[in-house]
Amino acid sequence: MLTRKTFIYNNVMAAGTLFAGRSLLNELIAYEKGYQLTVLHTNDVHSRIDPFPMDGRSNQGLGGVQQELK
């Protein structure tokens, strides 16, 4: 006897397999066509999260990440 819970579980698994299979198939087709994804990233912090100290040097107070004022 097929219970309601088993019926729902089987249908959810079948739908998941169908959608996952189509998604994987689309990825395989895109790979075979030679699509390429390039991610470009820029960063202007230059490894300084905090600004240069206020010590009289030429870069004092410059650099770093802008901090939220409270």
PDB file of N, CA and C in Angstrom:
ATOM      1  N   MET A   1       0.845  -1.180   0.000  1.00  0.00           N
ATOM      2  CA  MET A   1       0.000   0.000   0.000  1.00  0.00           C
ATOM      3  C   MET A   1       0.887   1.239   0.000  1.00  0.00           C
ATOM      4  N   LEU A   2       0.630   2.134  -0.884  1.00  0.00           N
ATOM      5  CA  LEU A   2       1.382   3.370  -1.014  1.00  0.00           C
ATOM      6  C   LEU A   2       0.748   4.427  -0.117  1.00  0.00           C
ATOM      7  N   THR A   3       1.519   4.885   0.852  1.00  0.00           N
ATOM      8  CA  THR A   3       0.990   5.904   1.750  1.00  0.00           C
ATOM      9  C   THR A   3       1.159   7.283   1.122  1.00  0.00           C
ATOM     10  N   ARG A   4       0.464   8.246   1.699  1.00  0.00           N
ATOM     11  CA  ARG A   4       0.547   9.623   1.192  1.00  0.00           C
ATOM     12  C   ARG A   4       1.978  10.149   1.314  1.00  0.00           C
ATOM     13  N   LYS A   5       2.609   9.857   2.446  1.00  0.00           N
ATOM     14  CA  LYS A   5       3.972  10.320   2.694  1.00  0.00           C
ATOM     15  C   LYS A   5       4.944   9.731   1.661  1.00  0.00           C
ATOM     16  N   THR A   6       4.812   8.461   1.360  1.00  0.00           N
ATOM     17  CA  THR A   6       5.676   7.809   0.372  1.00  0.00           C
ATOM     18  C   THR A   6       5.417   8.372  -1.017  1.00  0.00           C
ATOM     19  N   PHE A   7       4.145   8.612  -1.340  1.00  0.00           N
ATOM     20  CA  PHE A   7       3.788   9.176  -2.635  1.00  0.00           C
ATOM     21  C   PHE A   7       4.418  10.561  -2.826  1.00  0.00           C
ATOM     22  N   ILE A   8       4.284  11.418  -1.812  1.00  0.00           N
ATOM     23  CA  ILE A   8       4.860  12.766  -1.896  1.00  0.00           C
ATOM     24  C   ILE A   8       6.376  12.683  -1.993  1.00  0.00           C
ATOM     25  N   TYR A   9       6.998  11.835  -1.184  1.00  0.00           N
ATOM     26  CA  TYR A   9       8.455  11.675  -1.206  1.00  0.00           C
ATOM     27  C   TYR A   9       8.926  11.239  -2.598  1.00  0.00           C
ATOM     28  N   ASN A  10       8.260  10.240  -3.169  1.00  0.00           N
ATOM     29  CA  ASN A  10       8.660   9.744  -4.491  1.00  0.00           C
ATOM     30  C   ASN A  10       8.516  10.821  -5.563  1.00  0.00           C
ATOM     31  N   ASN A  11       7.444  11.605  -5.509  1.00  0.00           N
ATOM     32  CA  ASN A  11       7.248  12.655  -6.496  1.00  0.00           C
ATOM     33  C   ASN A  11       8.256  13.780  -6.341  1.00  0.00           C
ATOM     34  N   VAL A  12       8.563  14.158  -5.114  1.00  0.00           N
ATOM     35  CA  VAL A  12       9.564  15.193  -4.889  1.00  0.00           C
ATOM     36  C   VAL A  12      10.933  14.726  -5.381  1.00  0.00           C
ATOM     37  N   MET A  13      11.290  13.489  -5.103  1.00  0.00           N
ATOM     38  CA  MET A  13      12.575  12.962  -5.560  1.00  0.00           C
ATOM     39  C   MET A  13      12.625  12.875  -7.091  1.00  0.00           C
ATOM     40  N   ALA A  14      11.545  12.479  -7.707  1.00  0.00           N
ATOM     41  CA  ALA A  14      11.508  12.393  -9.168  1.00  0.00           C
ATOM     42  C   ALA A  14      11.633  13.785  -9.788  1.00  0.00           C
ATOM     43  N   ALA A  15      10.912  14.756  -9.239  1.00  0.00           N
ATOM     44  CA  ALA A  15      10.999  16.122  -9.769  1.00  0.00           C
ATOM     45  C   ALA A  15      12.399  16.688  -9.565  1.00  0.00           C
ATOM     46  N   GLY A  16      12.984  16.452  -8.395  1.00  0.00           N
ATOM     47  CA  GLY A  16      14.345  16.925  -8.129  1.00  0.00           C
ATOM     48  C   GLY A  16      15.349  16.315  -9.080  1.00  0.00           C
ATOM     49  N   THR A  17      15.201  15.033  -9.340  1.00  0.00           N
ATOM     50  CA  THR A  17      16.095  14.356 -10.275  1.00  0.00           C
ATOM     51  C   THR A  17      15.930  14.913 -11.683  1.00  0.00           C
ATOM     52  N   LEU A  18      14.695  15.171 -12.073  1.00  0.00           N
ATOM     53  CA  LEU A  18      14.429  15.718 -13.401  1.00  0.00           C
ATOM     54  C   LEU A  18      15.076  17.093 -13.561  1.00  0.00           C
ATOM     55  N   PHE A  19      14.849  17.982 -12.589  1.00  0.00           N
ATOM     56  CA  PHE A  19      15.410  19.327 -12.680  1.00  0.00           C
ATOM     57  C   PHE A  19      16.926  19.327 -12.567  1.00  0.00           C
ATOM     58  N   ALA A  20      17.468  18.506 -11.678  1.00  0.00           N
ATOM     59  CA  ALA A  20      18.928  18.431 -11.529  1.00  0.00           C
ATOM     60  C   ALA A  20      19.554  17.853 -12.793  1.00  0.00           C
ATOM     61  N   GLY A  21      18.906  16.854 -13.356  1.00  0.00           N
ATOM     62  CA  GLY A  21      19.419  16.244 -14.580  1.00  0.00           C
ATOM     63  C   GLY A  21      19.447  17.235 -15.735  1.00  0.00           C
ATOM     64  N   ARG A  22      18.381  18.023 -15.876  1.00  0.00           N
ATOM     65  CA  ARG A  22      18.346  19.023 -16.948  1.00  0.00           C
ATOM     66  C   ARG A  22      19.403  20.093 -16.715  1.00  0.00           C
ATOM     67  N   SER A  23      19.589  20.489 -15.466  1.00  0.00           N
ATOM     68  CA  SER A  23      20.590  21.503 -15.150  1.00  0.00           C
ATOM     69  C   SER A  23      21.991  20.988 -15.466  1.00  0.00           C
ATOM     70  N   LEU A  24      22.268  19.765 -15.082  1.00  0.00           N
ATOM     71  CA  LEU A  24      23.590  19.185 -15.365  1.00  0.00           C
ATOM     72  C   LEU A  24      23.790  19.001 -16.859  1.00  0.00           C
ATOM     73  N   LEU A  25      22.743  18.628 -17.559  1.00  0.00           N
ATOM     74  CA  LEU A  25      22.835  18.472 -19.005  1.00  0.00           C
ATOM     75  C   LEU A  25      23.130  19.811 -19.671  1.00  0.00           C
ATOM     76  N   ASN A  26      22.468  20.882 -19.213  1.00  0.00           N
ATOM     77  CA  ASN A  26      22.730  22.214 -19.769  1.00  0.00           C
ATOM     78  C   ASN A  26      24.170  22.640 -19.505  1.00  0.00           C
ATOM     79  N   GLU A  27      24.697  22.340 -18.333  1.00  0.00           N
ATOM     80  CA  GLU A  27      26.088  22.667 -18.023  1.00  0.00           C
ATOM     81  C   GLU A  27      27.037  21.899 -18.931  1.00  0.00           C
ATOM     82  N   LEU A  28      26.750  20.648 -19.174  1.00  0.00           N
ATOM     83  CA  LEU A  28      27.597  19.837 -20.043  1.00  0.00           C
ATOM     84  C   LEU A  28      27.585  20.386 -21.468  1.00  0.00           C
ATOM     85  N   ILE A  29      26.417  20.771 -21.958  1.00  0.00           N
ATOM     86  CA  ILE A  29      26.317  21.337 -23.305  1.00  0.00           C
ATOM     87  C   ILE A  29      27.091  22.645 -23.387  1.00  0.00           C
ATOM     88  N   ALA A  30      26.962  23.502 -22.375  1.00  0.00           N
ATOM     89  CA  ALA A  30      27.691  24.772 -22.357  1.00  0.00           C
ATOM     90  C   ALA A  30      29.192  24.521 -22.318  1.00  0.00           C
ATOM     91  N   TYR A  31      29.627  23.503 -21.574  1.00  0.00           N
ATOM     92  CA  TYR A  31      31.057  23.182 -21.487  1.00  0.00           C
ATOM     93  C   TYR A  31      31.578  22.713 -22.839  1.00  0.00           C
ATOM     94  N   GLU A  32      30.801  21.894 -23.522  1.00  0.00           N
ATOM     95  CA  GLU A  32      31.232  21.379 -24.817  1.00  0.00           C
ATOM     96  C   GLU A  32      31.274  22.477 -25.880  1.00  0.00           C
ATOM     97  N   LYS A  33      30.417  23.505 -25.743  1.00  0.00           N
ATOM     98  CA  LYS A  33      30.437  24.604 -26.701  1.00  0.00           C
ATOM     99  C   LYS A  33      31.598  25.552 -26.441  1.00  0.00           C
ATOM    100  N   GLY A  34      32.234  25.417 -25.303  1.00  0.00           N
ATOM    101  CA  GLY A  34      33.415  26.216 -25.027  1.00  0.00           C
ATOM    102  C   GLY A  34      33.133  27.566 -24.393  1.00  0.00           C
ATOM    103  N   TYR A  35      32.014  27.706 -23.716  1.00  0.00           N
ATOM    104  CA  TYR A  35      31.759  28.954 -23.017  1.00  0.00           C
ATOM    105  C   TYR A  35      32.784  29.130 -21.910  1.00  0.00           C
ATOM    106  N   GLN A  36      33.172  30.361 -21.692  1.00  0.00           N
ATOM    107  CA  GLN A  36      34.153  30.644 -20.658  1.00  0.00           C
ATOM    108  C   GLN A  36      33.641  31.803 -19.801  1.00  0.00           C
ATOM    109  N   LEU A  37      33.759  31.654 -18.506  1.00  0.00           N
ATOM    110  CA  LEU A  37      33.344  32.696 -17.578  1.00  0.00           C
ATOM    111  C   LEU A  37      34.598  33.319 -16.981  1.00  0.00           C
ATOM    112  N   THR A  38      34.712  34.624 -17.094  1.00  0.00           N
ATOM    113  CA  THR A  38      35.833  35.350 -16.520  1.00  0.00           C
ATOM    114  C   THR A  38      35.294  36.299 -15.459  1.00  0.00           C
ATOM    115  N   VAL A  39      35.830  36.185 -14.253  1.00  0.00           N
ATOM    116  CA  VAL A  39      35.404  37.037 -13.154  1.00  0.00           C
ATOM    117  C   VAL A  39      36.497  38.063 -12.920  1.00  0.00           C
ATOM    118  N   LEU A  40      36.140  39.324 -13.047  1.00  0.00           N
ATOM    119  CA  LEU A  40      37.095  40.396 -12.805  1.00  0.00           C
ATOM    120  C   LEU A  40      36.810  41.005 -11.441  1.00  0.00           C
ATOM    121  N   HIS A  41      37.866  41.288 -10.704  1.00  0.00           N
ATOM    122  CA  HIS A  41      37.711  41.852  -9.372  1.00  0.00           C
ATOM    123  C   HIS A  41      38.752  42.941  -9.183  1.00  0.00           C
ATOM    124  N   THR A  42      38.344  44.010  -8.581  1.00  0.00           N
ATOM    125  CA  THR A  42      39.293  45.069  -8.278  1.00  0.00           C
ATOM    126  C   THR A  42      39.173  45.419  -6.804  1.00  0.00           C
ATOM    127  N   ASN A  43      40.269  45.911  -6.257  1.00  0.00           N
ATOM    128  CA  ASN A  43      40.313  46.222  -4.844  1.00  0.00           C
ATOM    129  C   ASN A  43      41.216  47.430  -4.677  1.00  0.00           C
ATOM    130  N   ASP A  44      40.741  48.453  -4.014  1.00  0.00           N
ATOM    131  CA  ASP A  44      41.528  49.667  -3.863  1.00  0.00           C
ATOM    132  C   ASP A  44      41.963  49.890  -2.409  1.00  0.00           C
ATOM    133  N   VAL A  45      41.992  48.827  -1.624  1.00  0.00           N
ATOM    134  CA  VAL A  45      42.365  48.959  -0.214  1.00  0.00           C
ATOM    135  C   VAL A  45      43.876  48.794  -0.035  1.00  0.00           C
ATOM    136  N   HIS A  46      44.511  48.059  -0.925  1.00  0.00           N
ATOM    137  CA  HIS A  46      45.959  47.827  -0.872  1.00  0.00           C
ATOM    138  C   HIS A  46      46.396  47.273   0.481  1.00  0.00           C
ATOM    139  N   SER A  47      45.672  46.280   0.955  1.00  0.00           N
ATOM    140  CA  SER A  47      45.991  45.567   2.198  1.00  0.00           C
ATOM    141  C   SER A  47      45.961  46.462   3.420  1.00  0.00           C
ATOM    142  N   ARG A  48      45.245  47.562   3.368  1.00  0.00           N
ATOM    143  CA  ARG A  48      45.141  48.448   4.530  1.00  0.00           C
ATOM    144  C   ARG A  48      43.674  48.599   4.891  1.00  0.00           C
ATOM    145  N   ILE A  49      43.245  47.884   5.909  1.00  0.00           N
ATOM    146  CA  ILE A  49      41.856  48.014   6.358  1.00  0.00           C
ATOM    147  C   ILE A  49      41.695  49.318   7.125  1.00  0.00           C
ATOM    148  N   ASP A  50      42.702  49.647   7.935  1.00  0.00           N
ATOM    149  CA  ASP A  50      42.689  50.909   8.684  1.00  0.00           C
ATOM    150  C   ASP A  50      43.533  51.932   7.936  1.00  0.00           C
ATOM    151  N   PRO A  51      43.179  53.204   8.016  1.00  0.00           N
ATOM    152  CA  PRO A  51      43.985  54.230   7.357  1.00  0.00           C
ATOM    153  C   PRO A  51      45.363  54.360   8.018  1.00  0.00           C
ATOM    154  N   PHE A  52      46.274  55.007   7.300  1.00  0.00           N
ATOM    155  CA  PHE A  52      47.599  55.244   7.865  1.00  0.00           C
ATOM    156  C   PHE A  52      47.457  56.080   9.138  1.00  0.00           C
ATOM    157  N   PRO A  53      48.344  55.867  10.102  1.00  0.00           N
ATOM    158  CA  PRO A  53      48.228  56.615  11.364  1.00  0.00           C
ATOM    159  C   PRO A  53      48.489  58.113  11.165  1.00  0.00           C
ATOM    160  N   MET A  54      47.922  58.874  12.072  1.00  0.00           N
ATOM    161  CA  MET A  54      48.082  60.331  12.042  1.00  0.00           C
ATOM    162  C   MET A  54      49.388  60.682  12.770  1.00  0.00           C
ATOM    163  N   ASP A  55      50.508  60.474  12.077  1.00  0.00           N
ATOM    164  CA  ASP A  55      51.804  60.687  12.725  1.00  0.00           C
ATOM    165  C   ASP A  55      52.662  61.720  12.008  1.00  0.00           C
ATOM    166  N   GLY A  56      52.051  62.504  11.139  1.00  0.00           N
ATOM    167  CA  GLY A  56      52.787  63.565  10.470  1.00  0.00           C
ATOM    168  C   GLY A  56      53.417  63.156   9.156  1.00  0.00           C
ATOM    169  N   ARG A  57      53.301  61.914   8.757  1.00  0.00           N
ATOM    170  CA  ARG A  57      53.863  61.480   7.480  1.00  0.00           C
ATOM    171  C   ARG A  57      52.980  61.975   6.337  1.00  0.00           C
ATOM    172  N   SER A  58      53.479  61.802   5.110  1.00  0.00           N
ATOM    173  CA  SER A  58      52.762  62.344   3.950  1.00  0.00           C
ATOM    174  C   SER A  58      51.434  61.627   3.694  1.00  0.00           C
ATOM    175  N   ASN A  59      51.277  60.382   4.120  1.00  0.00           N
ATOM    176  CA  ASN A  59      50.044  59.625   3.864  1.00  0.00           C
ATOM    177  C   ASN A  59      49.135  59.539   5.085  1.00  0.00           C
ATOM    178  N   GLN A  60      49.318  60.373   6.064  1.00  0.00           N
ATOM    179  CA  GLN A  60      48.543  60.236   7.293  1.00  0.00           C
ATOM    180  C   GLN A  60      47.049  60.361   7.028  1.00  0.00           C
ATOM    181  N   GLY A  61      46.280  59.433   7.596  1.00  0.00           N
ATOM    182  CA  GLY A  61      44.832  59.443   7.454  1.00  0.00           C
ATOM    183  C   GLY A  61      44.311  58.935   6.132  1.00  0.00           C
ATOM    184  N   LEU A  62      45.183  58.563   5.200  1.00  0.00           N
ATOM    185  CA  LEU A  62      44.763  58.092   3.885  1.00  0.00           C
ATOM    186  C   LEU A  62      44.718  56.561   3.852  1.00  0.00           C
ATOM    187  N   GLY A  63      43.985  56.039   2.900  1.00  0.00           N
ATOM    188  CA  GLY A  63      43.902  54.587   2.709  1.00  0.00           C
ATOM    189  C   GLY A  63      42.865  53.967   3.608  1.00  0.00           C
ATOM    190  N   GLY A  64      42.765  52.664   3.520  1.00  0.00           N
ATOM    191  CA  GLY A  64      41.834  51.930   4.367  1.00  0.00           C
ATOM    192  C   GLY A  64      40.423  51.895   3.820  1.00  0.00           C
ATOM    193  N   VAL A  65      39.551  51.314   4.594  1.00  0.00           N
ATOM    194  CA  VAL A  65      38.147  51.149   4.227  1.00  0.00           C
ATOM    195  C   VAL A  65      37.341  52.210   4.962  1.00  0.00           C
ATOM    196  N   GLN A  66      36.400  52.807   4.257  1.00  0.00           N
ATOM    197  CA  GLN A  66      35.549  53.811   4.887  1.00  0.00           C
ATOM    198  C   GLN A  66      34.736  53.150   5.980  1.00  0.00           C
ATOM    199  N   GLN A  67      34.740  53.773   7.140  1.00  0.00           N
ATOM    200  CA  GLN A  67      34.000  53.211   8.261  1.00  0.00           C
ATOM    201  C   GLN A  67      32.722  53.995   8.468  1.00  0.00           C
ATOM    202  N   GLU A  68      31.704  53.305   8.888  1.00  0.00           N
ATOM    203  CA  GLU A  68      30.399  53.909   9.106  1.00  0.00           C
ATOM    204  C   GLU A  68      30.451  54.783  10.353  1.00  0.00           C
ATOM    205  N   LEU A  69      29.950  56.005  10.223  1.00  0.00           N
ATOM    206  CA  LEU A  69      29.895  56.907  11.362  1.00  0.00           C
ATOM    207  C   LEU A  69      28.639  56.633  12.157  1.00  0.00           C
ATOM    208  N   LYS A  70      28.772  56.645  13.455  1.00  0.00           N
ATOM    209  CA  LYS A  70      27.611  56.379  14.323  1.00  0.00           C
ATOM    210  C   LYS A  70      27.167  57.611  15.015  1.00  0.00           C
TER     211      LYS A  70
END
